[in-house]
Amino acid sequence: MEINTTHEETVTKVMEALESIRPFLNKDGGDIELIDVKESTVYVKLLGNCSGCSLNFSTLKLGVENTIKQHAPEIEKVVNVE
């Protein structure tokens, strides 16, 4: 059985996921901004120290993407917009 969620519901879940991870990014002098949600892809922008950090790919994939998928299982990938 497939669960159909509206675009607004998905965006709300993604925002909740970002709020849950934001304190960890802020602690390192960074932040994250939601740019867009299209179909099963979330577009974000890493800000502050996160934008130029050599670990930002790991942060994005291991931290942000996993957290978003826990909140919104319909999301398949997260893309950083530079």
C-alpha atoms as a PDB file:
ATOM      1  CA  MET A   1       0.000   0.000   0.000  1.00  0.00           C
ATOM      2  CA  GLU A   2       1.477   3.303  -1.081  1.00  0.00           C
ATOM      3  CA  ILE A   3       1.097   6.312   1.169  1.00  0.00           C
ATOM      4  CA  ASN A   4       0.178   9.419  -0.769  1.00  0.00           C
ATOM      5  CA  THR A   5       1.269  12.646   0.823  1.00  0.00           C
ATOM      6  CA  THR A   6       0.647  16.087  -0.527  1.00  0.00           C
ATOM      7  CA  HIS A   7       3.480  18.364  -1.537  1.00  0.00           C
ATOM      8  CA  GLU A   8       2.690  20.604   1.451  1.00  0.00           C
ATOM      9  CA  GLU A   9       2.869  17.650   3.854  1.00  0.00           C
ATOM     10  CA  THR A  10       6.225  16.613   2.418  1.00  0.00           C
ATOM     11  CA  VAL A  11       7.615  20.152   2.684  1.00  0.00           C
ATOM     12  CA  THR A  12       6.424  20.340   6.307  1.00  0.00           C
ATOM     13  CA  LYS A  13       8.176  17.058   7.135  1.00  0.00           C
ATOM     14  CA  VAL A  14      11.369  18.225   5.411  1.00  0.00           C
ATOM     15  CA  MET A  15      11.282  21.502   7.374  1.00  0.00           C
ATOM     16  CA  GLU A  16      10.878  19.530  10.624  1.00  0.00           C
ATOM     17  CA  ALA A  17      13.880  17.386   9.672  1.00  0.00           C
ATOM     18  CA  LEU A  18      15.994  20.473   8.948  1.00  0.00           C
ATOM     19  CA  GLU A  19      14.977  22.037  12.269  1.00  0.00           C
ATOM     20  CA  SER A  20      16.109  18.879  14.072  1.00  0.00           C
ATOM     21  CA  ILE A  21      19.569  18.958  12.459  1.00  0.00           C
ATOM     22  CA  ARG A  22      20.057  22.750  12.489  1.00  0.00           C
ATOM     23  CA  PRO A  23      21.502  22.906  16.066  1.00  0.00           C
ATOM     24  CA  PHE A  24      24.347  20.569  15.040  1.00  0.00           C
ATOM     25  CA  LEU A  25      25.157  22.740  12.017  1.00  0.00           C
ATOM     26  CA  ASN A  26      24.882  25.957  14.068  1.00  0.00           C
ATOM     27  CA  LYS A  27      27.329  24.547  16.635  1.00  0.00           C
ATOM     28  CA  ASP A  28      29.974  24.437  13.886  1.00  0.00           C
ATOM     29  CA  GLY A  29      29.104  27.911  12.577  1.00  0.00           C
ATOM     30  CA  GLY A  30      26.943  26.671   9.730  1.00  0.00           C
ATOM     31  CA  ASP A  31      23.309  26.480   8.749  1.00  0.00           C
ATOM     32  CA  ILE A  32      21.047  25.052   6.067  1.00  0.00           C
ATOM     33  CA  GLU A  33      18.339  26.579   3.900  1.00  0.00           C
ATOM     34  CA  LEU A  34      15.561  24.718   2.100  1.00  0.00           C
ATOM     35  CA  ILE A  35      15.538  25.814  -1.533  1.00  0.00           C
ATOM     36  CA  ASP A  36      12.897  23.524  -3.051  1.00  0.00           C
ATOM     37  CA  VAL A  37      11.222  20.133  -2.955  1.00  0.00           C
ATOM     38  CA  LYS A  38      10.524  18.632  -6.380  1.00  0.00           C
ATOM     39  CA  GLU A  39       9.027  15.154  -6.594  1.00  0.00           C
ATOM     40  CA  SER A  40      11.324  12.944  -4.490  1.00  0.00           C
ATOM     41  CA  THR A  41      14.300  15.351  -4.371  1.00  0.00           C
ATOM     42  CA  VAL A  42      15.070  18.025  -1.796  1.00  0.00           C
ATOM     43  CA  TYR A  43      17.269  20.979  -2.772  1.00  0.00           C
ATOM     44  CA  VAL A  44      19.117  22.686   0.078  1.00  0.00           C
ATOM     45  CA  LYS A  45      21.889  25.218   0.453  1.00  0.00           C
ATOM     46  CA  LEU A  46      24.568  24.761   3.107  1.00  0.00           C
ATOM     47  CA  LEU A  47      25.425  28.117   4.661  1.00  0.00           C
ATOM     48  CA  GLY A  48      28.184  29.625   6.803  1.00  0.00           C
ATOM     49  CA  ASN A  49      31.070  27.329   7.672  1.00  0.00           C
ATOM     50  CA  CYS A  50      29.191  24.376   6.131  1.00  0.00           C
ATOM     51  CA  SER A  51      29.365  25.850   2.614  1.00  0.00           C
ATOM     52  CA  GLY A  52      33.151  25.718   2.381  1.00  0.00           C
ATOM     53  CA  CYS A  53      33.822  22.772   4.666  1.00  0.00           C
ATOM     54  CA  SER A  54      35.620  19.761   3.217  1.00  0.00           C
ATOM     55  CA  LEU A  55      33.193  17.502   5.102  1.00  0.00           C
ATOM     56  CA  ASN A  56      30.046  19.072   3.645  1.00  0.00           C
ATOM     57  CA  PHE A  57      29.382  16.085   1.360  1.00  0.00           C
ATOM     58  CA  SER A  58      29.418  13.768   4.386  1.00  0.00           C
ATOM     59  CA  THR A  59      27.273  16.200   6.356  1.00  0.00           C
ATOM     60  CA  LEU A  60      24.805  16.340   3.486  1.00  0.00           C
ATOM     61  CA  LYS A  61      24.607  12.590   2.825  1.00  0.00           C
ATOM     62  CA  LEU A  62      25.049  11.116   6.289  1.00  0.00           C
ATOM     63  CA  GLY A  63      23.427  13.803   8.389  1.00  0.00           C
ATOM     64  CA  VAL A  64      20.945  15.823   6.382  1.00  0.00           C
ATOM     65  CA  GLU A  65      19.763  13.206   3.873  1.00  0.00           C
ATOM     66  CA  ASN A  66      19.337  10.457   6.471  1.00  0.00           C
ATOM     67  CA  THR A  67      17.443  12.799   8.809  1.00  0.00           C
ATOM     68  CA  ILE A  68      15.140  13.976   6.017  1.00  0.00           C
ATOM     69  CA  LYS A  69      14.451  10.370   4.942  1.00  0.00           C
ATOM     70  CA  GLN A  70      13.522   9.475   8.530  1.00  0.00           C
ATOM     71  CA  HIS A  71      10.972  12.315   8.603  1.00  0.00           C
ATOM     72  CA  ALA A  72       9.845  11.995   4.966  1.00  0.00           C
ATOM     73  CA  PRO A  73      10.440   8.478   3.553  1.00  0.00           C
ATOM     74  CA  GLU A  74       9.097   9.574   0.162  1.00  0.00           C
ATOM     75  CA  ILE A  75      12.299  11.619  -0.370  1.00  0.00           C
ATOM     76  CA  GLU A  76      14.955   9.759  -2.353  1.00  0.00           C
ATOM     77  CA  LYS A  77      17.809  12.259  -2.469  1.00  0.00           C
ATOM     78  CA  VAL A  78      19.071  15.578  -1.198  1.00  0.00           C
ATOM     79  CA  VAL A  79      21.040  17.944  -3.428  1.00  0.00           C
ATOM     80  CA  ASN A  80      23.181  20.860  -2.251  1.00  0.00           C
ATOM     81  CA  VAL A  81      22.678  23.955  -4.418  1.00  0.00           C
ATOM     82  CA  GLU A  82      25.898  25.996  -4.493  1.00  0.00           C
END
